[in-house]
Amino acid sequence: AVYYCAARFGAVPYNTPSQYNYWG
């Protein structure tokens, strides 16, 4: 697959894409 890293401001590592603000 194509693997993407993502970041969200905050401590909790949610498992849904919608929770992440930034993407590689």
PDBML (XML) file of the C-alpha atoms, coordinates in Angstrom:
<?xml version="1.0" encoding="UTF-8" ?>
<PDBx:datablock datablockName="MODEL"
   xmlns:PDBx="http://pdbml.pdb.org/schema/pdbx-v50.xsd"
   xmlns:xsi="http://www.w3.org/2001/XMLSchema-instance"
   xsi:schemaLocation="http://pdbml.pdb.org/schema/pdbx-v50.xsd pdbx-v50.xsd">
   <PDBx:atom_siteCategory>
      <PDBx:atom_site id="1">
         <PDBx:B_iso_or_equiv>0.00</PDBx:B_iso_or_equiv>
         <PDBx:Cartn_x>0.000</PDBx:Cartn_x>
         <PDBx:Cartn_y>0.000</PDBx:Cartn_y>
         <PDBx:Cartn_z>0.000</PDBx:Cartn_z>
         <PDBx:auth_asym_id>A</PDBx:auth_asym_id>
         <PDBx:auth_atom_id>CA</PDBx:auth_atom_id>
         <PDBx:auth_comp_id>ALA</PDBx:auth_comp_id>
         <PDBx:auth_seq_id>1</PDBx:auth_seq_id>
         <PDBx:group_PDB>ATOM</PDBx:group_PDB>
         <PDBx:label_alt_id xsi:nil="true" />
         <PDBx:label_asym_id>A</PDBx:label_asym_id>
         <PDBx:label_atom_id>CA</PDBx:label_atom_id>
         <PDBx:label_comp_id>ALA</PDBx:label_comp_id>
         <PDBx:label_entity_id>1</PDBx:label_entity_id>
         <PDBx:label_seq_id>1</PDBx:label_seq_id>
         <PDBx:occupancy>1.00</PDBx:occupancy>
         <PDBx:pdbx_PDB_model_num>1</PDBx:pdbx_PDB_model_num>
         <PDBx:type_symbol>C</PDBx:type_symbol>
      </PDBx:atom_site>
      <PDBx:atom_site id="2">
         <PDBx:B_iso_or_equiv>0.00</PDBx:B_iso_or_equiv>
         <PDBx:Cartn_x>0.912</PDBx:Cartn_x>
         <PDBx:Cartn_y>3.635</PDBx:Cartn_y>
         <PDBx:Cartn_z>0.090</PDBx:Cartn_z>
         <PDBx:auth_asym_id>A</PDBx:auth_asym_id>
         <PDBx:auth_atom_id>CA</PDBx:auth_atom_id>
         <PDBx:auth_comp_id>VAL</PDBx:auth_comp_id>
         <PDBx:auth_seq_id>2</PDBx:auth_seq_id>
         <PDBx:group_PDB>ATOM</PDBx:group_PDB>
         <PDBx:label_alt_id xsi:nil="true" />
         <PDBx:label_asym_id>A</PDBx:label_asym_id>
         <PDBx:label_atom_id>CA</PDBx:label_atom_id>
         <PDBx:label_comp_id>VAL</PDBx:label_comp_id>
         <PDBx:label_entity_id>1</PDBx:label_entity_id>
         <PDBx:label_seq_id>2</PDBx:label_seq_id>
         <PDBx:occupancy>1.00</PDBx:occupancy>
         <PDBx:pdbx_PDB_model_num>1</PDBx:pdbx_PDB_model_num>
         <PDBx:type_symbol>C</PDBx:type_symbol>
      </PDBx:atom_site>
      <PDBx:atom_site id="3">
         <PDBx:B_iso_or_equiv>0.00</PDBx:B_iso_or_equiv>
         <PDBx:Cartn_x>1.737</PDBx:Cartn_x>
         <PDBx:Cartn_y>4.423</PDBx:Cartn_y>
         <PDBx:Cartn_z>3.687</PDBx:Cartn_z>
         <PDBx:auth_asym_id>A</PDBx:auth_asym_id>
         <PDBx:auth_atom_id>CA</PDBx:auth_atom_id>
         <PDBx:auth_comp_id>TYR</PDBx:auth_comp_id>
         <PDBx:auth_seq_id>3</PDBx:auth_seq_id>
         <PDBx:group_PDB>ATOM</PDBx:group_PDB>
         <PDBx:label_alt_id xsi:nil="true" />
         <PDBx:label_asym_id>A</PDBx:label_asym_id>
         <PDBx:label_atom_id>CA</PDBx:label_atom_id>
         <PDBx:label_comp_id>TYR</PDBx:label_comp_id>
         <PDBx:label_entity_id>1</PDBx:label_entity_id>
         <PDBx:label_seq_id>3</PDBx:label_seq_id>
         <PDBx:occupancy>1.00</PDBx:occupancy>
         <PDBx:pdbx_PDB_model_num>1</PDBx:pdbx_PDB_model_num>
         <PDBx:type_symbol>C</PDBx:type_symbol>
      </PDBx:atom_site>
      <PDBx:atom_site id="4">
         <PDBx:B_iso_or_equiv>0.00</PDBx:B_iso_or_equiv>
         <PDBx:Cartn_x>0.932</PDBx:Cartn_x>
         <PDBx:Cartn_y>7.845</PDBx:Cartn_y>
         <PDBx:Cartn_z>5.087</PDBx:Cartn_z>
         <PDBx:auth_asym_id>A</PDBx:auth_asym_id>
         <PDBx:auth_atom_id>CA</PDBx:auth_atom_id>
         <PDBx:auth_comp_id>TYR</PDBx:auth_comp_id>
         <PDBx:auth_seq_id>4</PDBx:auth_seq_id>
         <PDBx:group_PDB>ATOM</PDBx:group_PDB>
         <PDBx:label_alt_id xsi:nil="true" />
         <PDBx:label_asym_id>A</PDBx:label_asym_id>
         <PDBx:label_atom_id>CA</PDBx:label_atom_id>
         <PDBx:label_comp_id>TYR</PDBx:label_comp_id>
         <PDBx:label_entity_id>1</PDBx:label_entity_id>
         <PDBx:label_seq_id>4</PDBx:label_seq_id>
         <PDBx:occupancy>1.00</PDBx:occupancy>
         <PDBx:pdbx_PDB_model_num>1</PDBx:pdbx_PDB_model_num>
         <PDBx:type_symbol>C</PDBx:type_symbol>
      </PDBx:atom_site>
      <PDBx:atom_site id="5">
         <PDBx:B_iso_or_equiv>0.00</PDBx:B_iso_or_equiv>
         <PDBx:Cartn_x>1.955</PDBx:Cartn_x>
         <PDBx:Cartn_y>9.398</PDBx:Cartn_y>
         <PDBx:Cartn_z>8.342</PDBx:Cartn_z>
         <PDBx:auth_asym_id>A</PDBx:auth_asym_id>
         <PDBx:auth_atom_id>CA</PDBx:auth_atom_id>
         <PDBx:auth_comp_id>CYS</PDBx:auth_comp_id>
         <PDBx:auth_seq_id>5</PDBx:auth_seq_id>
         <PDBx:group_PDB>ATOM</PDBx:group_PDB>
         <PDBx:label_alt_id xsi:nil="true" />
         <PDBx:label_asym_id>A</PDBx:label_asym_id>
         <PDBx:label_atom_id>CA</PDBx:label_atom_id>
         <PDBx:label_comp_id>CYS</PDBx:label_comp_id>
         <PDBx:label_entity_id>1</PDBx:label_entity_id>
         <PDBx:label_seq_id>5</PDBx:label_seq_id>
         <PDBx:occupancy>1.00</PDBx:occupancy>
         <PDBx:pdbx_PDB_model_num>1</PDBx:pdbx_PDB_model_num>
         <PDBx:type_symbol>C</PDBx:type_symbol>
      </PDBx:atom_site>
      <PDBx:atom_site id="6">
         <PDBx:B_iso_or_equiv>0.00</PDBx:B_iso_or_equiv>
         <PDBx:Cartn_x>-0.385</PDBx:Cartn_x>
         <PDBx:Cartn_y>11.841</PDBx:Cartn_y>
         <PDBx:Cartn_z>9.994</PDBx:Cartn_z>
         <PDBx:auth_asym_id>A</PDBx:auth_asym_id>
         <PDBx:auth_atom_id>CA</PDBx:auth_atom_id>
         <PDBx:auth_comp_id>ALA</PDBx:auth_comp_id>
         <PDBx:auth_seq_id>6</PDBx:auth_seq_id>
         <PDBx:group_PDB>ATOM</PDBx:group_PDB>
         <PDBx:label_alt_id xsi:nil="true" />
         <PDBx:label_asym_id>A</PDBx:label_asym_id>
         <PDBx:label_atom_id>CA</PDBx:label_atom_id>
         <PDBx:label_comp_id>ALA</PDBx:label_comp_id>
         <PDBx:label_entity_id>1</PDBx:label_entity_id>
         <PDBx:label_seq_id>6</PDBx:label_seq_id>
         <PDBx:occupancy>1.00</PDBx:occupancy>
         <PDBx:pdbx_PDB_model_num>1</PDBx:pdbx_PDB_model_num>
         <PDBx:type_symbol>C</PDBx:type_symbol>
      </PDBx:atom_site>
      <PDBx:atom_site id="7">
         <PDBx:B_iso_or_equiv>0.00</PDBx:B_iso_or_equiv>
         <PDBx:Cartn_x>-0.331</PDBx:Cartn_x>
         <PDBx:Cartn_y>14.240</PDBx:Cartn_y>
         <PDBx:Cartn_z>12.907</PDBx:Cartn_z>
         <PDBx:auth_asym_id>A</PDBx:auth_asym_id>
         <PDBx:auth_atom_id>CA</PDBx:auth_atom_id>
         <PDBx:auth_comp_id>ALA</PDBx:auth_comp_id>
         <PDBx:auth_seq_id>7</PDBx:auth_seq_id>
         <PDBx:group_PDB>ATOM</PDBx:group_PDB>
         <PDBx:label_alt_id xsi:nil="true" />
         <PDBx:label_asym_id>A</PDBx:label_asym_id>
         <PDBx:label_atom_id>CA</PDBx:label_atom_id>
         <PDBx:label_comp_id>ALA</PDBx:label_comp_id>
         <PDBx:label_entity_id>1</PDBx:label_entity_id>
         <PDBx:label_seq_id>7</PDBx:label_seq_id>
         <PDBx:occupancy>1.00</PDBx:occupancy>
         <PDBx:pdbx_PDB_model_num>1</PDBx:pdbx_PDB_model_num>
         <PDBx:type_symbol>C</PDBx:type_symbol>
      </PDBx:atom_site>
      <PDBx:atom_site id="8">
         <PDBx:B_iso_or_equiv>0.00</PDBx:B_iso_or_equiv>
         <PDBx:Cartn_x>-2.947</PDBx:Cartn_x>
         <PDBx:Cartn_y>15.719</PDBx:Cartn_y>
         <PDBx:Cartn_z>15.178</PDBx:Cartn_z>
         <PDBx:auth_asym_id>A</PDBx:auth_asym_id>
         <PDBx:auth_atom_id>CA</PDBx:auth_atom_id>
         <PDBx:auth_comp_id>ARG</PDBx:auth_comp_id>
         <PDBx:auth_seq_id>8</PDBx:auth_seq_id>
         <PDBx:group_PDB>ATOM</PDBx:group_PDB>
         <PDBx:label_alt_id xsi:nil="true" />
         <PDBx:label_asym_id>A</PDBx:label_asym_id>
         <PDBx:label_atom_id>CA</PDBx:label_atom_id>
         <PDBx:label_comp_id>ARG</PDBx:label_comp_id>
         <PDBx:label_entity_id>1</PDBx:label_entity_id>
         <PDBx:label_seq_id>8</PDBx:label_seq_id>
         <PDBx:occupancy>1.00</PDBx:occupancy>
         <PDBx:pdbx_PDB_model_num>1</PDBx:pdbx_PDB_model_num>
         <PDBx:type_symbol>C</PDBx:type_symbol>
      </PDBx:atom_site>
      <PDBx:atom_site id="9">
         <PDBx:B_iso_or_equiv>0.00</PDBx:B_iso_or_equiv>
         <PDBx:Cartn_x>-2.552</PDBx:Cartn_x>
         <PDBx:Cartn_y>18.395</PDBx:Cartn_y>
         <PDBx:Cartn_z>17.773</PDBx:Cartn_z>
         <PDBx:auth_asym_id>A</PDBx:auth_asym_id>
         <PDBx:auth_atom_id>CA</PDBx:auth_atom_id>
         <PDBx:auth_comp_id>PHE</PDBx:auth_comp_id>
         <PDBx:auth_seq_id>9</PDBx:auth_seq_id>
         <PDBx:group_PDB>ATOM</PDBx:group_PDB>
         <PDBx:label_alt_id xsi:nil="true" />
         <PDBx:label_asym_id>A</PDBx:label_asym_id>
         <PDBx:label_atom_id>CA</PDBx:label_atom_id>
         <PDBx:label_comp_id>PHE</PDBx:label_comp_id>
         <PDBx:label_entity_id>1</PDBx:label_entity_id>
         <PDBx:label_seq_id>9</PDBx:label_seq_id>
         <PDBx:occupancy>1.00</PDBx:occupancy>
         <PDBx:pdbx_PDB_model_num>1</PDBx:pdbx_PDB_model_num>
         <PDBx:type_symbol>C</PDBx:type_symbol>
      </PDBx:atom_site>
      <PDBx:atom_site id="10">
         <PDBx:B_iso_or_equiv>0.00</PDBx:B_iso_or_equiv>
         <PDBx:Cartn_x>-3.167</PDBx:Cartn_x>
         <PDBx:Cartn_y>16.699</PDBx:Cartn_y>
         <PDBx:Cartn_z>21.082</PDBx:Cartn_z>
         <PDBx:auth_asym_id>A</PDBx:auth_asym_id>
         <PDBx:auth_atom_id>CA</PDBx:auth_atom_id>
         <PDBx:auth_comp_id>GLY</PDBx:auth_comp_id>
         <PDBx:auth_seq_id>10</PDBx:auth_seq_id>
         <PDBx:group_PDB>ATOM</PDBx:group_PDB>
         <PDBx:label_alt_id xsi:nil="true" />
         <PDBx:label_asym_id>A</PDBx:label_asym_id>
         <PDBx:label_atom_id>CA</PDBx:label_atom_id>
         <PDBx:label_comp_id>GLY</PDBx:label_comp_id>
         <PDBx:label_entity_id>1</PDBx:label_entity_id>
         <PDBx:label_seq_id>10</PDBx:label_seq_id>
         <PDBx:occupancy>1.00</PDBx:occupancy>
         <PDBx:pdbx_PDB_model_num>1</PDBx:pdbx_PDB_model_num>
         <PDBx:type_symbol>C</PDBx:type_symbol>
      </PDBx:atom_site>
      <PDBx:atom_site id="11">
         <PDBx:B_iso_or_equiv>0.00</PDBx:B_iso_or_equiv>
         <PDBx:Cartn_x>-2.053</PDBx:Cartn_x>
         <PDBx:Cartn_y>13.740</PDBx:Cartn_y>
         <PDBx:Cartn_z>23.096</PDBx:Cartn_z>
         <PDBx:auth_asym_id>A</PDBx:auth_asym_id>
         <PDBx:auth_atom_id>CA</PDBx:auth_atom_id>
         <PDBx:auth_comp_id>ALA</PDBx:auth_comp_id>
         <PDBx:auth_seq_id>11</PDBx:auth_seq_id>
         <PDBx:group_PDB>ATOM</PDBx:group_PDB>
         <PDBx:label_alt_id xsi:nil="true" />
         <PDBx:label_asym_id>A</PDBx:label_asym_id>
         <PDBx:label_atom_id>CA</PDBx:label_atom_id>
         <PDBx:label_comp_id>ALA</PDBx:label_comp_id>
         <PDBx:label_entity_id>1</PDBx:label_entity_id>
         <PDBx:label_seq_id>11</PDBx:label_seq_id>
         <PDBx:occupancy>1.00</PDBx:occupancy>
         <PDBx:pdbx_PDB_model_num>1</PDBx:pdbx_PDB_model_num>
         <PDBx:type_symbol>C</PDBx:type_symbol>
      </PDBx:atom_site>
      <PDBx:atom_site id="12">
         <PDBx:B_iso_or_equiv>0.00</PDBx:B_iso_or_equiv>
         <PDBx:Cartn_x>-4.577</PDBx:Cartn_x>
         <PDBx:Cartn_y>11.076</PDBx:Cartn_y>
         <PDBx:Cartn_z>22.145</PDBx:Cartn_z>
         <PDBx:auth_asym_id>A</PDBx:auth_asym_id>
         <PDBx:auth_atom_id>CA</PDBx:auth_atom_id>
         <PDBx:auth_comp_id>VAL</PDBx:auth_comp_id>
         <PDBx:auth_seq_id>12</PDBx:auth_seq_id>
         <PDBx:group_PDB>ATOM</PDBx:group_PDB>
         <PDBx:label_alt_id xsi:nil="true" />
         <PDBx:label_asym_id>A</PDBx:label_asym_id>
         <PDBx:label_atom_id>CA</PDBx:label_atom_id>
         <PDBx:label_comp_id>VAL</PDBx:label_comp_id>
         <PDBx:label_entity_id>1</PDBx:label_entity_id>
         <PDBx:label_seq_id>12</PDBx:label_seq_id>
         <PDBx:occupancy>1.00</PDBx:occupancy>
         <PDBx:pdbx_PDB_model_num>1</PDBx:pdbx_PDB_model_num>
         <PDBx:type_symbol>C</PDBx:type_symbol>
      </PDBx:atom_site>
      <PDBx:atom_site id="13">
         <PDBx:B_iso_or_equiv>0.00</PDBx:B_iso_or_equiv>
         <PDBx:Cartn_x>-3.672</PDBx:Cartn_x>
         <PDBx:Cartn_y>8.824</PDBx:Cartn_y>
         <PDBx:Cartn_z>19.196</PDBx:Cartn_z>
         <PDBx:auth_asym_id>A</PDBx:auth_asym_id>
         <PDBx:auth_atom_id>CA</PDBx:auth_atom_id>
         <PDBx:auth_comp_id>PRO</PDBx:auth_comp_id>
         <PDBx:auth_seq_id>13</PDBx:auth_seq_id>
         <PDBx:group_PDB>ATOM</PDBx:group_PDB>
         <PDBx:label_alt_id xsi:nil="true" />
         <PDBx:label_asym_id>A</PDBx:label_asym_id>
         <PDBx:label_atom_id>CA</PDBx:label_atom_id>
         <PDBx:label_comp_id>PRO</PDBx:label_comp_id>
         <PDBx:label_entity_id>1</PDBx:label_entity_id>
         <PDBx:label_seq_id>13</PDBx:label_seq_id>
         <PDBx:occupancy>1.00</PDBx:occupancy>
         <PDBx:pdbx_PDB_model_num>1</PDBx:pdbx_PDB_model_num>
         <PDBx:type_symbol>C</PDBx:type_symbol>
      </PDBx:atom_site>
      <PDBx:atom_site id="14">
         <PDBx:B_iso_or_equiv>0.00</PDBx:B_iso_or_equiv>
         <PDBx:Cartn_x>-7.090</PDBx:Cartn_x>
         <PDBx:Cartn_y>8.287</PDBx:Cartn_y>
         <PDBx:Cartn_z>17.657</PDBx:Cartn_z>
         <PDBx:auth_asym_id>A</PDBx:auth_asym_id>
         <PDBx:auth_atom_id>CA</PDBx:auth_atom_id>
         <PDBx:auth_comp_id>TYR</PDBx:auth_comp_id>
         <PDBx:auth_seq_id>14</PDBx:auth_seq_id>
         <PDBx:group_PDB>ATOM</PDBx:group_PDB>
         <PDBx:label_alt_id xsi:nil="true" />
         <PDBx:label_asym_id>A</PDBx:label_asym_id>
         <PDBx:label_atom_id>CA</PDBx:label_atom_id>
         <PDBx:label_comp_id>TYR</PDBx:label_comp_id>
         <PDBx:label_entity_id>1</PDBx:label_entity_id>
         <PDBx:label_seq_id>14</PDBx:label_seq_id>
         <PDBx:occupancy>1.00</PDBx:occupancy>
         <PDBx:pdbx_PDB_model_num>1</PDBx:pdbx_PDB_model_num>
         <PDBx:type_symbol>C</PDBx:type_symbol>
      </PDBx:atom_site>
      <PDBx:atom_site id="15">
         <PDBx:B_iso_or_equiv>0.00</PDBx:B_iso_or_equiv>
         <PDBx:Cartn_x>-7.509</PDBx:Cartn_x>
         <PDBx:Cartn_y>5.637</PDBx:Cartn_y>
         <PDBx:Cartn_z>14.994</PDBx:Cartn_z>
         <PDBx:auth_asym_id>A</PDBx:auth_asym_id>
         <PDBx:auth_atom_id>CA</PDBx:auth_atom_id>
         <PDBx:auth_comp_id>ASN</PDBx:auth_comp_id>
         <PDBx:auth_seq_id>15</PDBx:auth_seq_id>
         <PDBx:group_PDB>ATOM</PDBx:group_PDB>
         <PDBx:label_alt_id xsi:nil="true" />
         <PDBx:label_asym_id>A</PDBx:label_asym_id>
         <PDBx:label_atom_id>CA</PDBx:label_atom_id>
         <PDBx:label_comp_id>ASN</PDBx:label_comp_id>
         <PDBx:label_entity_id>1</PDBx:label_entity_id>
         <PDBx:label_seq_id>15</PDBx:label_seq_id>
         <PDBx:occupancy>1.00</PDBx:occupancy>
         <PDBx:pdbx_PDB_model_num>1</PDBx:pdbx_PDB_model_num>
         <PDBx:type_symbol>C</PDBx:type_symbol>
      </PDBx:atom_site>
      <PDBx:atom_site id="16">
         <PDBx:B_iso_or_equiv>0.00</PDBx:B_iso_or_equiv>
         <PDBx:Cartn_x>-9.643</PDBx:Cartn_x>
         <PDBx:Cartn_y>7.530</PDBx:Cartn_y>
         <PDBx:Cartn_z>12.482</PDBx:Cartn_z>
         <PDBx:auth_asym_id>A</PDBx:auth_asym_id>
         <PDBx:auth_atom_id>CA</PDBx:auth_atom_id>
         <PDBx:auth_comp_id>THR</PDBx:auth_comp_id>
         <PDBx:auth_seq_id>16</PDBx:auth_seq_id>
         <PDBx:group_PDB>ATOM</PDBx:group_PDB>
         <PDBx:label_alt_id xsi:nil="true" />
         <PDBx:label_asym_id>A</PDBx:label_asym_id>
         <PDBx:label_atom_id>CA</PDBx:label_atom_id>
         <PDBx:label_comp_id>THR</PDBx:label_comp_id>
         <PDBx:label_entity_id>1</PDBx:label_entity_id>
         <PDBx:label_seq_id>16</PDBx:label_seq_id>
         <PDBx:occupancy>1.00</PDBx:occupancy>
         <PDBx:pdbx_PDB_model_num>1</PDBx:pdbx_PDB_model_num>
         <PDBx:type_symbol>C</PDBx:type_symbol>
      </PDBx:atom_site>
      <PDBx:atom_site id="17">
         <PDBx:B_iso_or_equiv>0.00</PDBx:B_iso_or_equiv>
         <PDBx:Cartn_x>-8.312</PDBx:Cartn_x>
         <PDBx:Cartn_y>9.688</PDBx:Cartn_y>
         <PDBx:Cartn_z>9.647</PDBx:Cartn_z>
         <PDBx:auth_asym_id>A</PDBx:auth_asym_id>
         <PDBx:auth_atom_id>CA</PDBx:auth_atom_id>
         <PDBx:auth_comp_id>PRO</PDBx:auth_comp_id>
         <PDBx:auth_seq_id>17</PDBx:auth_seq_id>
         <PDBx:group_PDB>ATOM</PDBx:group_PDB>
         <PDBx:label_alt_id xsi:nil="true" />
         <PDBx:label_asym_id>A</PDBx:label_asym_id>
         <PDBx:label_atom_id>CA</PDBx:label_atom_id>
         <PDBx:label_comp_id>PRO</PDBx:label_comp_id>
         <PDBx:label_entity_id>1</PDBx:label_entity_id>
         <PDBx:label_seq_id>17</PDBx:label_seq_id>
         <PDBx:occupancy>1.00</PDBx:occupancy>
         <PDBx:pdbx_PDB_model_num>1</PDBx:pdbx_PDB_model_num>
         <PDBx:type_symbol>C</PDBx:type_symbol>
      </PDBx:atom_site>
      <PDBx:atom_site id="18">
         <PDBx:B_iso_or_equiv>0.00</PDBx:B_iso_or_equiv>
         <PDBx:Cartn_x>-10.765</PDBx:Cartn_x>
         <PDBx:Cartn_y>12.471</PDBx:Cartn_y>
         <PDBx:Cartn_z>10.417</PDBx:Cartn_z>
         <PDBx:auth_asym_id>A</PDBx:auth_asym_id>
         <PDBx:auth_atom_id>CA</PDBx:auth_atom_id>
         <PDBx:auth_comp_id>SER</PDBx:auth_comp_id>
         <PDBx:auth_seq_id>18</PDBx:auth_seq_id>
         <PDBx:group_PDB>ATOM</PDBx:group_PDB>
         <PDBx:label_alt_id xsi:nil="true" />
         <PDBx:label_asym_id>A</PDBx:label_asym_id>
         <PDBx:label_atom_id>CA</PDBx:label_atom_id>
         <PDBx:label_comp_id>SER</PDBx:label_comp_id>
         <PDBx:label_entity_id>1</PDBx:label_entity_id>
         <PDBx:label_seq_id>18</PDBx:label_seq_id>
         <PDBx:occupancy>1.00</PDBx:occupancy>
         <PDBx:pdbx_PDB_model_num>1</PDBx:pdbx_PDB_model_num>
         <PDBx:type_symbol>C</PDBx:type_symbol>
      </PDBx:atom_site>
      <PDBx:atom_site id="19">
         <PDBx:B_iso_or_equiv>0.00</PDBx:B_iso_or_equiv>
         <PDBx:Cartn_x>-9.034</PDBx:Cartn_x>
         <PDBx:Cartn_y>13.149</PDBx:Cartn_y>
         <PDBx:Cartn_z>13.723</PDBx:Cartn_z>
         <PDBx:auth_asym_id>A</PDBx:auth_asym_id>
         <PDBx:auth_atom_id>CA</PDBx:auth_atom_id>
         <PDBx:auth_comp_id>GLN</PDBx:auth_comp_id>
         <PDBx:auth_seq_id>19</PDBx:auth_seq_id>
         <PDBx:group_PDB>ATOM</PDBx:group_PDB>
         <PDBx:label_alt_id xsi:nil="true" />
         <PDBx:label_asym_id>A</PDBx:label_asym_id>
         <PDBx:label_atom_id>CA</PDBx:label_atom_id>
         <PDBx:label_comp_id>GLN</PDBx:label_comp_id>
         <PDBx:label_entity_id>1</PDBx:label_entity_id>
         <PDBx:label_seq_id>19</PDBx:label_seq_id>
         <PDBx:occupancy>1.00</PDBx:occupancy>
         <PDBx:pdbx_PDB_model_num>1</PDBx:pdbx_PDB_model_num>
         <PDBx:type_symbol>C</PDBx:type_symbol>
      </PDBx:atom_site>
      <PDBx:atom_site id="20">
         <PDBx:B_iso_or_equiv>0.00</PDBx:B_iso_or_equiv>
         <PDBx:Cartn_x>-5.739</PDBx:Cartn_x>
         <PDBx:Cartn_y>14.042</PDBx:Cartn_y>
         <PDBx:Cartn_z>12.078</PDBx:Cartn_z>
         <PDBx:auth_asym_id>A</PDBx:auth_asym_id>
         <PDBx:auth_atom_id>CA</PDBx:auth_atom_id>
         <PDBx:auth_comp_id>TYR</PDBx:auth_comp_id>
         <PDBx:auth_seq_id>20</PDBx:auth_seq_id>
         <PDBx:group_PDB>ATOM</PDBx:group_PDB>
         <PDBx:label_alt_id xsi:nil="true" />
         <PDBx:label_asym_id>A</PDBx:label_asym_id>
         <PDBx:label_atom_id>CA</PDBx:label_atom_id>
         <PDBx:label_comp_id>TYR</PDBx:label_comp_id>
         <PDBx:label_entity_id>1</PDBx:label_entity_id>
         <PDBx:label_seq_id>20</PDBx:label_seq_id>
         <PDBx:occupancy>1.00</PDBx:occupancy>
         <PDBx:pdbx_PDB_model_num>1</PDBx:pdbx_PDB_model_num>
         <PDBx:type_symbol>C</PDBx:type_symbol>
      </PDBx:atom_site>
      <PDBx:atom_site id="21">
         <PDBx:B_iso_or_equiv>0.00</PDBx:B_iso_or_equiv>
         <PDBx:Cartn_x>-4.905</PDBx:Cartn_x>
         <PDBx:Cartn_y>17.487</PDBx:Cartn_y>
         <PDBx:Cartn_z>10.806</PDBx:Cartn_z>
         <PDBx:auth_asym_id>A</PDBx:auth_asym_id>
         <PDBx:auth_atom_id>CA</PDBx:auth_atom_id>
         <PDBx:auth_comp_id>ASN</PDBx:auth_comp_id>
         <PDBx:auth_seq_id>21</PDBx:auth_seq_id>
         <PDBx:group_PDB>ATOM</PDBx:group_PDB>
         <PDBx:label_alt_id xsi:nil="true" />
         <PDBx:label_asym_id>A</PDBx:label_asym_id>
         <PDBx:label_atom_id>CA</PDBx:label_atom_id>
         <PDBx:label_comp_id>ASN</PDBx:label_comp_id>
         <PDBx:label_entity_id>1</PDBx:label_entity_id>
         <PDBx:label_seq_id>21</PDBx:label_seq_id>
         <PDBx:occupancy>1.00</PDBx:occupancy>
         <PDBx:pdbx_PDB_model_num>1</PDBx:pdbx_PDB_model_num>
         <PDBx:type_symbol>C</PDBx:type_symbol>
      </PDBx:atom_site>
      <PDBx:atom_site id="22">
         <PDBx:B_iso_or_equiv>0.00</PDBx:B_iso_or_equiv>
         <PDBx:Cartn_x>-1.701</PDBx:Cartn_x>
         <PDBx:Cartn_y>17.009</PDBx:Cartn_y>
         <PDBx:Cartn_z>8.831</PDBx:Cartn_z>
         <PDBx:auth_asym_id>A</PDBx:auth_asym_id>
         <PDBx:auth_atom_id>CA</PDBx:auth_atom_id>
         <PDBx:auth_comp_id>TYR</PDBx:auth_comp_id>
         <PDBx:auth_seq_id>22</PDBx:auth_seq_id>
         <PDBx:group_PDB>ATOM</PDBx:group_PDB>
         <PDBx:label_alt_id xsi:nil="true" />
         <PDBx:label_asym_id>A</PDBx:label_asym_id>
         <PDBx:label_atom_id>CA</PDBx:label_atom_id>
         <PDBx:label_comp_id>TYR</PDBx:label_comp_id>
         <PDBx:label_entity_id>1</PDBx:label_entity_id>
         <PDBx:label_seq_id>22</PDBx:label_seq_id>
         <PDBx:occupancy>1.00</PDBx:occupancy>
         <PDBx:pdbx_PDB_model_num>1</PDBx:pdbx_PDB_model_num>
         <PDBx:type_symbol>C</PDBx:type_symbol>
      </PDBx:atom_site>
      <PDBx:atom_site id="23">
         <PDBx:B_iso_or_equiv>0.00</PDBx:B_iso_or_equiv>
         <PDBx:Cartn_x>-0.631</PDBx:Cartn_x>
         <PDBx:Cartn_y>14.395</PDBx:Cartn_y>
         <PDBx:Cartn_z>6.334</PDBx:Cartn_z>
         <PDBx:auth_asym_id>A</PDBx:auth_asym_id>
         <PDBx:auth_atom_id>CA</PDBx:auth_atom_id>
         <PDBx:auth_comp_id>TRP</PDBx:auth_comp_id>
         <PDBx:auth_seq_id>23</PDBx:auth_seq_id>
         <PDBx:group_PDB>ATOM</PDBx:group_PDB>
         <PDBx:label_alt_id xsi:nil="true" />
         <PDBx:label_asym_id>A</PDBx:label_asym_id>
         <PDBx:label_atom_id>CA</PDBx:label_atom_id>
         <PDBx:label_comp_id>TRP</PDBx:label_comp_id>
         <PDBx:label_entity_id>1</PDBx:label_entity_id>
         <PDBx:label_seq_id>23</PDBx:label_seq_id>
         <PDBx:occupancy>1.00</PDBx:occupancy>
         <PDBx:pdbx_PDB_model_num>1</PDBx:pdbx_PDB_model_num>
         <PDBx:type_symbol>C</PDBx:type_symbol>
      </PDBx:atom_site>
      <PDBx:atom_site id="24">
         <PDBx:B_iso_or_equiv>0.00</PDBx:B_iso_or_equiv>
         <PDBx:Cartn_x>2.505</PDBx:Cartn_x>
         <PDBx:Cartn_y>13.401</PDBx:Cartn_y>
         <PDBx:Cartn_z>4.510</PDBx:Cartn_z>
         <PDBx:auth_asym_id>A</PDBx:auth_asym_id>
         <PDBx:auth_atom_id>CA</PDBx:auth_atom_id>
         <PDBx:auth_comp_id>GLY</PDBx:auth_comp_id>
         <PDBx:auth_seq_id>24</PDBx:auth_seq_id>
         <PDBx:group_PDB>ATOM</PDBx:group_PDB>
         <PDBx:label_alt_id xsi:nil="true" />
         <PDBx:label_asym_id>A</PDBx:label_asym_id>
         <PDBx:label_atom_id>CA</PDBx:label_atom_id>
         <PDBx:label_comp_id>GLY</PDBx:label_comp_id>
         <PDBx:label_entity_id>1</PDBx:label_entity_id>
         <PDBx:label_seq_id>24</PDBx:label_seq_id>
         <PDBx:occupancy>1.00</PDBx:occupancy>
         <PDBx:pdbx_PDB_model_num>1</PDBx:pdbx_PDB_model_num>
         <PDBx:type_symbol>C</PDBx:type_symbol>
      </PDBx:atom_site>
   </PDBx:atom_siteCategory>
</PDBx:datablock>
